[in-house]
Amino acid sequence: MHKEELLSLHNMLMNVREYLQEHSTEADFDEYDALEITPSHTHRSKLEHKYAIFVLGNVIARAMREADNPSASRMADRMHDLAERTLKEIEVDE
């Protein structure tokens, strides 16, 4: 994926986050917030945005699972695995 596409996806996931927060789900975004990266941080690397997308996607999938959507459990696990793999890529790049 190109960086612009990642930024667009990151932005879409932020919209989902806002929706979840407005509808008072108990999703915990602390792990994502600790990254201190948003779609508007265009100066950050492609890998950093990719990692942020997977972390945010994991939180969203867990929130979906808690809202009685058991199939989201596999999605949460997959997002977690992809986030871990991307974090290793970032560490190698540094």
C-alpha atoms as a PDB file:
ATOM      1  CA  MET A   1       0.000   0.000   0.000  1.00  0.00           C
ATOM      2  CA  HIS A   2       1.143   3.524  -0.695  1.00  0.00           C
ATOM      3  CA  LYS A   3       1.531   5.934   2.197  1.00  0.00           C
ATOM      4  CA  GLU A   4      -1.434   8.025   0.987  1.00  0.00           C
ATOM      5  CA  GLU A   5      -3.635   4.920   1.054  1.00  0.00           C
ATOM      6  CA  LEU A   6      -2.459   4.092   4.581  1.00  0.00           C
ATOM      7  CA  LEU A   7      -3.251   7.636   5.706  1.00  0.00           C
ATOM      8  CA  SER A   8      -6.724   7.318   4.198  1.00  0.00           C
ATOM      9  CA  LEU A   9      -7.313   3.978   5.952  1.00  0.00           C
ATOM     10  CA  HIS A  10      -5.974   5.405   9.197  1.00  0.00           C
ATOM     11  CA  ASN A  11      -8.435   8.275   8.860  1.00  0.00           C
ATOM     12  CA  MET A  12     -11.354   5.894   8.229  1.00  0.00           C
ATOM     13  CA  LEU A  13     -10.483   3.896  11.334  1.00  0.00           C
ATOM     14  CA  MET A  14     -10.373   7.138  13.327  1.00  0.00           C
ATOM     15  CA  ASN A  15     -13.939   7.792  12.134  1.00  0.00           C
ATOM     16  CA  VAL A  16     -14.940   4.354  13.430  1.00  0.00           C
ATOM     17  CA  ARG A  17     -13.232   5.195  16.727  1.00  0.00           C
ATOM     18  CA  GLU A  18     -15.226   8.425  17.007  1.00  0.00           C
ATOM     19  CA  TYR A  19     -18.431   6.503  16.296  1.00  0.00           C
ATOM     20  CA  LEU A  20     -17.647   3.961  19.014  1.00  0.00           C
ATOM     21  CA  GLN A  21     -16.849   6.704  21.507  1.00  0.00           C
ATOM     22  CA  GLU A  22     -20.045   8.610  20.695  1.00  0.00           C
ATOM     23  CA  HIS A  23     -22.108   5.485  21.228  1.00  0.00           C
ATOM     24  CA  SER A  24     -20.546   4.890  24.628  1.00  0.00           C
ATOM     25  CA  THR A  25     -18.885   1.589  23.968  1.00  0.00           C
ATOM     26  CA  GLU A  26     -16.249   0.763  26.507  1.00  0.00           C
ATOM     27  CA  ALA A  27     -13.428   0.412  23.991  1.00  0.00           C
ATOM     28  CA  ASP A  28     -10.063   1.201  25.531  1.00  0.00           C
ATOM     29  CA  PHE A  29      -7.947   3.249  23.142  1.00  0.00           C
ATOM     30  CA  ASP A  30      -5.038   3.790  25.572  1.00  0.00           C
ATOM     31  CA  GLU A  31      -2.611   1.595  23.611  1.00  0.00           C
ATOM     32  CA  TYR A  32      -3.356   3.496  20.399  1.00  0.00           C
ATOM     33  CA  ASP A  33      -3.243   6.888  22.144  1.00  0.00           C
ATOM     34  CA  ALA A  34       0.181   6.039  23.594  1.00  0.00           C
ATOM     35  CA  LEU A  35       1.554   5.863  20.039  1.00  0.00           C
ATOM     36  CA  GLU A  36       0.914   9.596  19.678  1.00  0.00           C
ATOM     37  CA  ILE A  37       0.212   9.299  15.962  1.00  0.00           C
ATOM     38  CA  THR A  38      -2.853  10.363  13.998  1.00  0.00           C
ATOM     39  CA  PRO A  39      -3.610  10.439  10.273  1.00  0.00           C
ATOM     40  CA  SER A  40      -2.623  14.118  10.239  1.00  0.00           C
ATOM     41  CA  HIS A  41       0.953  13.231  11.219  1.00  0.00           C
ATOM     42  CA  THR A  42       2.043  12.897   7.603  1.00  0.00           C
ATOM     43  CA  HIS A  43       5.703  13.298   8.557  1.00  0.00           C
ATOM     44  CA  ARG A  44       5.655   9.967  10.362  1.00  0.00           C
ATOM     45  CA  SER A  45       6.856   6.914   8.459  1.00  0.00           C
ATOM     46  CA  LYS A  46       4.729   4.540   6.466  1.00  0.00           C
ATOM     47  CA  LEU A  47       5.601   1.738   8.912  1.00  0.00           C
ATOM     48  CA  GLU A  48       4.526   3.841  11.906  1.00  0.00           C
ATOM     49  CA  HIS A  49       1.139   4.477  10.307  1.00  0.00           C
ATOM     50  CA  LYS A  50       0.826   0.807   9.411  1.00  0.00           C
ATOM     51  CA  TYR A  51       1.497  -0.139  13.028  1.00  0.00           C
ATOM     52  CA  ALA A  52      -0.999   2.448  14.281  1.00  0.00           C
ATOM     53  CA  ILE A  53      -3.637   1.062  11.901  1.00  0.00           C
ATOM     54  CA  PHE A  54      -3.185  -2.467  13.244  1.00  0.00           C
ATOM     55  CA  VAL A  55      -3.267  -1.326  16.875  1.00  0.00           C
ATOM     56  CA  LEU A  56      -6.394   0.758  16.252  1.00  0.00           C
ATOM     57  CA  GLY A  57      -7.971  -2.063  14.238  1.00  0.00           C
ATOM     58  CA  ASN A  58      -7.331  -4.452  17.122  1.00  0.00           C
ATOM     59  CA  VAL A  59      -9.119  -2.155  19.594  1.00  0.00           C
ATOM     60  CA  ILE A  60     -12.058  -1.751  17.210  1.00  0.00           C
ATOM     61  CA  ALA A  61     -12.293  -5.514  16.626  1.00  0.00           C
ATOM     62  CA  ARG A  62     -12.242  -6.163  20.392  1.00  0.00           C
ATOM     63  CA  ALA A  63     -15.045  -3.621  20.830  1.00  0.00           C
ATOM     64  CA  MET A  64     -17.032  -5.405  18.118  1.00  0.00           C
ATOM     65  CA  ARG A  65     -16.435  -8.754  19.834  1.00  0.00           C
ATOM     66  CA  GLU A  66     -17.731  -7.335  23.109  1.00  0.00           C
ATOM     67  CA  ALA A  67     -20.853  -6.140  21.272  1.00  0.00           C
ATOM     68  CA  ASP A  68     -21.836  -9.790  20.690  1.00  0.00           C
ATOM     69  CA  ASN A  69     -20.025 -10.288  17.426  1.00  0.00           C
ATOM     70  CA  PRO A  70     -17.984 -13.436  18.080  1.00  0.00           C
ATOM     71  CA  SER A  71     -16.484 -13.503  14.580  1.00  0.00           C
ATOM     72  CA  ALA A  72     -14.629 -10.282  15.439  1.00  0.00           C
ATOM     73  CA  SER A  73     -12.487 -12.311  17.832  1.00  0.00           C
ATOM     74  CA  ARG A  74     -10.488 -13.770  14.937  1.00  0.00           C
ATOM     75  CA  MET A  75     -10.139 -10.302  13.447  1.00  0.00           C
ATOM     76  CA  ALA A  76      -8.810  -8.935  16.755  1.00  0.00           C
ATOM     77  CA  ASP A  77      -6.280 -11.762  16.955  1.00  0.00           C
ATOM     78  CA  ARG A  78      -5.168 -11.164  13.381  1.00  0.00           C
ATOM     79  CA  MET A  79      -4.802  -7.399  13.944  1.00  0.00           C
ATOM     80  CA  HIS A  80      -2.715  -8.122  17.041  1.00  0.00           C
ATOM     81  CA  ASP A  81      -0.444 -10.476  15.072  1.00  0.00           C
ATOM     82  CA  LEU A  82      -0.019  -7.956  12.261  1.00  0.00           C
ATOM     83  CA  ALA A  83       0.762  -5.185  14.753  1.00  0.00           C
ATOM     84  CA  GLU A  84       3.459  -7.330  16.368  1.00  0.00           C
ATOM     85  CA  ARG A  85       4.986  -8.164  12.991  1.00  0.00           C
ATOM     86  CA  THR A  86       4.988  -4.493  11.966  1.00  0.00           C
ATOM     87  CA  LEU A  87       6.572  -3.449  15.256  1.00  0.00           C
ATOM     88  CA  LYS A  88       9.430  -5.852  14.535  1.00  0.00           C
ATOM     89  CA  GLU A  89       9.824  -4.245  11.090  1.00  0.00           C
ATOM     90  CA  ILE A  90      10.029  -0.813  12.722  1.00  0.00           C
ATOM     91  CA  GLU A  91      12.677  -2.027  15.171  1.00  0.00           C
ATOM     92  CA  VAL A  92      14.752  -3.477  12.319  1.00  0.00           C
ATOM     93  CA  ASP A  93      14.439  -0.212  10.371  1.00  0.00           C
ATOM     94  CA  GLU A  94      15.815   1.832  13.270  1.00  0.00           C
END
